[in-house]
Amino acid sequence: GPDGPLLPLPPPLLPLPGPNGPKGPDGPEGPRGPRGPLGPRGPEGPNGPDGPLLPLPPPLLPLPGPNGPLGPNGPEGPRGPRGPFGPRGPDGPNGPEGPNGPDGPLLPLPPPL
């Protein structure tokens, strides 16, 4: 058959709540989250100033000084071998005239005139 009349609603079990009250204060801060990934590398910075100059190394050996004075002459060496004969010199002047020779035999007398 047709629907019957609607039943009245039962009374509410608890009174309905009123409007929300004012907002309370903020709670304490929560724990820190995990570390995020590294960002991209930045550009290279400028070069720093030059350092101090290094000292020069000491020389390996001391440099020699100037030469001293000349020493005395050494002893004379041995005599060398005899050289070859030179060319013949010019003839000398003639010597003095010699003495006369002995007399020859007597010539025969010429015939008388």
N, C-alpha and C. Protein backbone atom coordinates (compact mmCIF):
# COMPACT_ATOMS: atom_id res chain seq x y z
N GLY A 1 0.82 -1.18 0.00
CA GLY A 1 0.00 0.00 0.00
C GLY A 1 0.86 1.24 0.00
N PRO A 2 0.22 2.35 0.14
CA PRO A 2 0.95 3.62 0.13
C PRO A 2 1.76 3.79 1.40
N ASP A 3 2.83 4.71 1.32
CA ASP A 3 3.68 4.97 2.50
C ASP A 3 2.85 5.62 3.57
N GLY A 4 3.23 5.28 4.79
CA GLY A 4 2.52 5.88 5.90
C GLY A 4 3.11 7.25 6.22
N PRO A 5 2.60 7.93 7.23
CA PRO A 5 3.13 9.25 7.60
C PRO A 5 4.53 9.13 8.18
N LEU A 6 5.33 10.25 8.04
CA LEU A 6 6.72 10.26 8.57
C LEU A 6 6.67 10.29 10.05
N LEU A 7 7.66 9.56 10.63
CA LEU A 7 7.72 9.54 12.09
C LEU A 7 8.45 10.79 12.55
N PRO A 8 8.09 11.33 13.71
CA PRO A 8 8.83 12.51 14.19
C PRO A 8 10.26 12.11 14.56
N LEU A 9 11.21 13.10 14.39
CA LEU A 9 12.62 12.83 14.71
C LEU A 9 12.77 12.64 16.19
N PRO A 10 13.62 11.76 16.60
CA PRO A 10 13.82 11.59 18.04
C PRO A 10 14.58 12.79 18.59
N PRO A 11 14.47 13.11 19.84
CA PRO A 11 15.22 14.24 20.40
C PRO A 11 16.71 13.95 20.35
N PRO A 12 17.53 14.97 20.19
CA PRO A 12 18.99 14.75 20.11
C PRO A 12 19.51 14.20 21.43
N LEU A 13 20.56 13.36 21.29
CA LEU A 13 21.09 12.77 22.50
C LEU A 13 21.85 13.80 23.31
N LEU A 14 22.66 14.65 22.61
CA LEU A 14 23.44 15.70 23.29
C LEU A 14 23.07 17.02 22.64
N PRO A 15 23.20 18.12 23.38
CA PRO A 15 22.91 19.39 22.73
C PRO A 15 23.94 19.63 21.62
N LEU A 16 23.56 20.27 20.53
CA LEU A 16 24.45 20.55 19.40
C LEU A 16 25.52 21.54 19.84
N PRO A 17 26.77 21.39 19.35
CA PRO A 17 27.82 22.32 19.76
C PRO A 17 27.58 23.69 19.18
N GLY A 18 28.12 24.71 19.87
CA GLY A 18 28.02 26.07 19.40
C GLY A 18 29.13 26.37 18.39
N PRO A 19 29.32 27.65 18.03
CA PRO A 19 30.40 27.99 17.06
C PRO A 19 31.77 27.74 17.67
N ASN A 20 32.83 27.59 16.74
CA ASN A 20 34.22 27.36 17.20
C ASN A 20 34.71 28.54 18.02
N GLY A 21 35.56 28.24 19.03
CA GLY A 21 36.15 29.29 19.83
C GLY A 21 37.35 29.90 19.11
N PRO A 22 38.03 30.88 19.75
CA PRO A 22 39.21 31.51 19.11
C PRO A 22 40.36 30.50 18.96
N LYS A 23 41.25 30.78 18.01
CA LYS A 23 42.38 29.89 17.72
C LYS A 23 43.36 29.94 18.88
N GLY A 24 43.89 28.77 19.25
CA GLY A 24 44.87 28.70 20.34
C GLY A 24 46.26 29.13 19.88
N PRO A 25 47.18 29.22 20.83
CA PRO A 25 48.56 29.62 20.47
C PRO A 25 49.25 28.51 19.66
N ASP A 26 50.32 28.93 18.89
CA ASP A 26 51.08 27.96 18.08
C ASP A 26 51.77 26.97 18.98
N GLY A 27 51.86 25.75 18.54
CA GLY A 27 52.58 24.73 19.28
C GLY A 27 54.09 24.90 19.12
N PRO A 28 54.88 24.06 19.84
CA PRO A 28 56.35 24.16 19.71
C PRO A 28 56.80 23.74 18.31
N GLU A 29 58.02 24.25 17.92
CA GLU A 29 58.55 23.95 16.57
C GLU A 29 58.83 22.46 16.48
N GLY A 30 58.56 21.88 15.33
CA GLY A 30 58.80 20.46 15.13
C GLY A 30 60.29 20.16 14.95
N PRO A 31 60.65 18.88 14.86
CA PRO A 31 62.08 18.52 14.69
C PRO A 31 62.58 18.96 13.31
N ARG A 32 63.92 19.16 13.23
CA ARG A 32 64.54 19.62 11.97
C ARG A 32 64.45 18.51 10.93
N GLY A 33 64.16 18.89 9.69
CA GLY A 33 64.06 17.90 8.62
C GLY A 33 65.44 17.44 8.15
N PRO A 34 65.50 16.43 7.26
CA PRO A 34 66.80 15.93 6.78
C PRO A 34 67.49 16.99 5.89
N ARG A 35 68.82 16.88 5.78
CA ARG A 35 69.60 17.84 4.97
C ARG A 35 69.29 17.64 3.50
N GLY A 36 69.16 18.75 2.80
CA GLY A 36 68.87 18.68 1.37
C GLY A 36 70.13 18.36 0.56
N PRO A 37 69.97 18.08 -0.75
CA PRO A 37 71.15 17.76 -1.58
C PRO A 37 72.01 19.01 -1.78
N LEU A 38 73.34 18.79 -2.11
CA LEU A 38 74.26 19.89 -2.37
C LEU A 38 73.84 20.64 -3.63
N GLY A 39 74.01 21.96 -3.62
CA GLY A 39 73.71 22.76 -4.80
C GLY A 39 74.86 22.68 -5.80
N PRO A 40 74.72 23.33 -6.95
CA PRO A 40 75.79 23.29 -7.95
C PRO A 40 77.02 24.07 -7.45
N ARG A 41 78.19 23.70 -7.96
CA ARG A 41 79.44 24.33 -7.55
C ARG A 41 79.50 25.76 -8.09
N GLY A 42 79.96 26.67 -7.26
CA GLY A 42 80.05 28.07 -7.69
C GLY A 42 81.27 28.30 -8.58
N PRO A 43 81.40 29.50 -9.13
CA PRO A 43 82.55 29.78 -10.00
C PRO A 43 83.85 29.86 -9.18
N GLU A 44 84.98 29.63 -9.87
CA GLU A 44 86.28 29.65 -9.19
C GLU A 44 86.62 31.09 -8.80
N GLY A 45 87.19 31.26 -7.62
CA GLY A 45 87.54 32.58 -7.15
C GLY A 45 88.84 33.08 -7.79
N PRO A 46 89.19 34.35 -7.54
CA PRO A 46 90.43 34.88 -8.13
C PRO A 46 91.65 34.29 -7.44
N ASN A 47 92.80 34.36 -8.14
CA ASN A 47 94.06 33.87 -7.57
C ASN A 47 94.47 34.75 -6.40
N GLY A 48 95.12 34.14 -5.42
CA GLY A 48 95.62 34.89 -4.28
C GLY A 48 96.90 35.64 -4.64
N PRO A 49 97.40 36.45 -3.70
CA PRO A 49 98.63 37.21 -4.00
C PRO A 49 99.84 36.28 -4.05
N ASP A 50 100.90 36.73 -4.77
CA ASP A 50 102.12 35.94 -4.87
C ASP A 50 102.79 35.83 -3.51
N GLY A 51 103.39 34.68 -3.26
CA GLY A 51 104.11 34.48 -2.01
C GLY A 51 105.47 35.16 -2.05
N PRO A 52 106.23 35.10 -0.94
CA PRO A 52 107.55 35.75 -0.91
C PRO A 52 108.53 35.00 -1.80
N LEU A 53 109.56 35.72 -2.29
CA LEU A 53 110.57 35.11 -3.14
C LEU A 53 111.45 34.17 -2.30
N LEU A 54 111.81 33.03 -2.88
CA LEU A 54 112.65 32.08 -2.16
C LEU A 54 114.09 32.59 -2.19
N PRO A 55 114.88 32.33 -1.14
CA PRO A 55 116.28 32.78 -1.17
C PRO A 55 117.07 31.94 -2.17
N LEU A 56 118.12 32.56 -2.75
CA LEU A 56 118.95 31.84 -3.71
C LEU A 56 119.76 30.77 -2.97
N PRO A 57 119.96 29.59 -3.59
CA PRO A 57 120.76 28.56 -2.92
C PRO A 57 122.22 29.00 -2.86
N PRO A 58 122.97 28.52 -1.88
CA PRO A 58 124.39 28.90 -1.80
C PRO A 58 125.14 28.28 -2.97
N PRO A 59 126.25 28.91 -3.45
CA PRO A 59 127.02 28.33 -4.56
C PRO A 59 127.62 27.00 -4.14
N LEU A 60 127.77 26.11 -5.12
CA LEU A 60 128.25 24.76 -4.83
C LEU A 60 129.70 24.79 -4.31
N LEU A 61 130.56 25.56 -4.96
CA LEU A 61 131.95 25.66 -4.53
C LEU A 61 132.30 27.15 -4.49
N PRO A 62 133.20 27.56 -3.61
CA PRO A 62 133.57 28.98 -3.62
C PRO A 62 134.30 29.31 -4.91
N LEU A 63 134.05 30.48 -5.42
CA LEU A 63 134.69 30.89 -6.68
C LEU A 63 136.17 31.15 -6.42
N PRO A 64 137.07 30.78 -7.38
CA PRO A 64 138.50 31.00 -7.15
C PRO A 64 138.83 32.48 -7.18
N GLY A 65 139.85 32.86 -6.42
CA GLY A 65 140.30 34.25 -6.41
C GLY A 65 141.19 34.53 -7.62
N PRO A 66 141.79 35.73 -7.67
CA PRO A 66 142.66 36.06 -8.81
C PRO A 66 143.96 35.27 -8.73
N ASN A 67 144.66 35.16 -9.87
CA ASN A 67 145.92 34.43 -9.91
C ASN A 67 146.97 35.14 -9.07
N GLY A 68 147.86 34.38 -8.48
CA GLY A 68 148.96 34.96 -7.71
C GLY A 68 150.07 35.45 -8.63
N PRO A 69 151.17 36.01 -8.05
CA PRO A 69 152.27 36.51 -8.89
C PRO A 69 153.00 35.34 -9.57
N LEU A 70 153.70 35.68 -10.66
CA LEU A 70 154.45 34.69 -11.43
C LEU A 70 155.62 34.17 -10.60
N GLY A 71 155.84 32.87 -10.61
CA GLY A 71 156.93 32.28 -9.85
C GLY A 71 158.28 32.45 -10.55
N PRO A 72 159.40 32.03 -9.90
CA PRO A 72 160.73 32.18 -10.52
C PRO A 72 160.89 31.19 -11.67
N ASN A 73 161.89 31.51 -12.56
CA ASN A 73 162.16 30.61 -13.69
C ASN A 73 162.70 29.28 -13.18
N GLY A 74 162.42 28.24 -13.90
CA GLY A 74 162.95 26.93 -13.55
C GLY A 74 164.41 26.80 -13.99
N PRO A 75 165.07 25.65 -13.69
CA PRO A 75 166.48 25.46 -14.09
C PRO A 75 166.61 25.34 -15.60
N GLU A 76 167.85 25.62 -16.12
CA GLU A 76 168.09 25.55 -17.56
C GLU A 76 168.03 24.09 -18.01
N GLY A 77 167.47 23.89 -19.17
CA GLY A 77 167.35 22.54 -19.69
C GLY A 77 168.67 22.02 -20.24
N PRO A 78 168.76 20.72 -20.65
CA PRO A 78 170.01 20.16 -21.18
C PRO A 78 170.35 20.75 -22.55
N ARG A 79 171.67 20.67 -22.90
CA ARG A 79 172.14 21.22 -24.18
C ARG A 79 171.60 20.35 -25.32
N GLY A 80 171.20 20.99 -26.38
CA GLY A 80 170.67 20.26 -27.53
C GLY A 80 171.78 19.61 -28.36
N PRO A 81 171.45 18.79 -29.38
CA PRO A 81 172.48 18.13 -30.22
C PRO A 81 173.19 19.15 -31.12
N ARG A 82 174.42 18.78 -31.59
CA ARG A 82 175.22 19.67 -32.45
C ARG A 82 174.53 19.80 -33.80
N GLY A 83 174.50 21.01 -34.30
CA GLY A 83 173.88 21.25 -35.61
C GLY A 83 174.79 20.83 -36.75
N PRO A 84 174.31 20.86 -38.02
CA PRO A 84 175.14 20.47 -39.18
C PRO A 84 176.19 21.55 -39.47
N PHE A 85 177.23 21.17 -40.24
CA PHE A 85 178.25 22.13 -40.66
C PHE A 85 177.63 23.17 -41.57
N GLY A 86 178.11 24.41 -41.44
CA GLY A 86 177.65 25.47 -42.31
C GLY A 86 178.35 25.41 -43.67
N PRO A 87 178.02 26.32 -44.60
CA PRO A 87 178.68 26.33 -45.93
C PRO A 87 180.15 26.79 -45.81
N ARG A 88 180.96 26.44 -46.78
CA ARG A 88 182.39 26.80 -46.79
C ARG A 88 182.54 28.30 -46.96
N GLY A 89 183.41 28.90 -46.20
CA GLY A 89 183.66 30.34 -46.31
C GLY A 89 184.53 30.69 -47.51
N PRO A 90 184.75 31.98 -47.78
CA PRO A 90 185.57 32.39 -48.93
C PRO A 90 187.06 32.12 -48.67
N ASP A 91 187.83 32.03 -49.75
CA ASP A 91 189.28 31.80 -49.62
C ASP A 91 189.92 32.99 -48.93
N GLY A 92 190.94 32.72 -48.15
CA GLY A 92 191.67 33.80 -47.47
C GLY A 92 192.68 34.48 -48.42
N PRO A 93 193.36 35.52 -47.95
CA PRO A 93 194.35 36.21 -48.82
C PRO A 93 195.59 35.32 -49.05
N ASN A 94 196.33 35.64 -50.11
CA ASN A 94 197.55 34.88 -50.40
C ASN A 94 198.57 35.10 -49.29
N GLY A 95 199.42 34.11 -49.06
CA GLY A 95 200.47 34.24 -48.06
C GLY A 95 201.68 35.03 -48.61
N PRO A 96 202.74 35.24 -47.77
CA PRO A 96 203.92 35.98 -48.24
C PRO A 96 204.73 35.16 -49.28
N GLU A 97 205.51 35.85 -50.07
CA GLU A 97 206.31 35.17 -51.11
C GLU A 97 207.39 34.33 -50.44
N GLY A 98 207.67 33.19 -51.00
CA GLY A 98 208.67 32.30 -50.42
C GLY A 98 210.11 32.73 -50.76
N PRO A 99 211.11 32.04 -50.19
CA PRO A 99 212.52 32.39 -50.48
C PRO A 99 212.91 31.97 -51.90
N ASN A 100 213.99 32.62 -52.38
CA ASN A 100 214.48 32.26 -53.73
C ASN A 100 215.02 30.83 -53.75
N GLY A 101 214.95 30.23 -54.89
CA GLY A 101 215.49 28.89 -55.04
C GLY A 101 217.03 28.92 -55.22
N PRO A 102 217.66 27.75 -55.29
CA PRO A 102 219.13 27.71 -55.46
C PRO A 102 219.53 28.21 -56.86
N ASP A 103 220.76 28.66 -56.95
CA ASP A 103 221.25 29.14 -58.26
C ASP A 103 221.32 27.99 -59.26
N GLY A 104 221.13 28.32 -60.50
CA GLY A 104 221.25 27.33 -61.55
C GLY A 104 222.74 27.14 -61.98
N PRO A 105 223.00 26.23 -62.97
CA PRO A 105 224.36 26.01 -63.39
C PRO A 105 224.90 27.23 -64.15
N LEU A 106 226.23 27.37 -64.20
CA LEU A 106 226.83 28.51 -64.92
C LEU A 106 226.65 28.33 -66.41
N LEU A 107 226.34 29.44 -67.04
CA LEU A 107 226.21 29.38 -68.50
C LEU A 107 227.60 29.40 -69.13
N PRO A 108 227.80 28.77 -70.32
CA PRO A 108 229.15 28.84 -70.98
C PRO A 108 229.45 30.28 -71.45
N LEU A 109 230.63 30.60 -71.46
CA LEU A 109 231.02 31.94 -71.91
C LEU A 109 230.77 32.04 -73.40
N PRO A 110 230.43 33.22 -73.88
CA PRO A 110 230.25 33.37 -75.33
C PRO A 110 231.61 33.29 -76.04
N PRO A 111 231.62 32.93 -77.29
CA PRO A 111 232.92 32.83 -77.99
C PRO A 111 233.55 34.23 -78.12
N PRO A 112 234.84 34.29 -78.18
CA PRO A 112 235.51 35.60 -78.30
C PRO A 112 235.21 36.21 -79.65
N LEU A 113 235.25 37.50 -79.70
CA LEU A 113 235.01 38.20 -80.94
C LEU A 113 236.29 38.21 -81.68
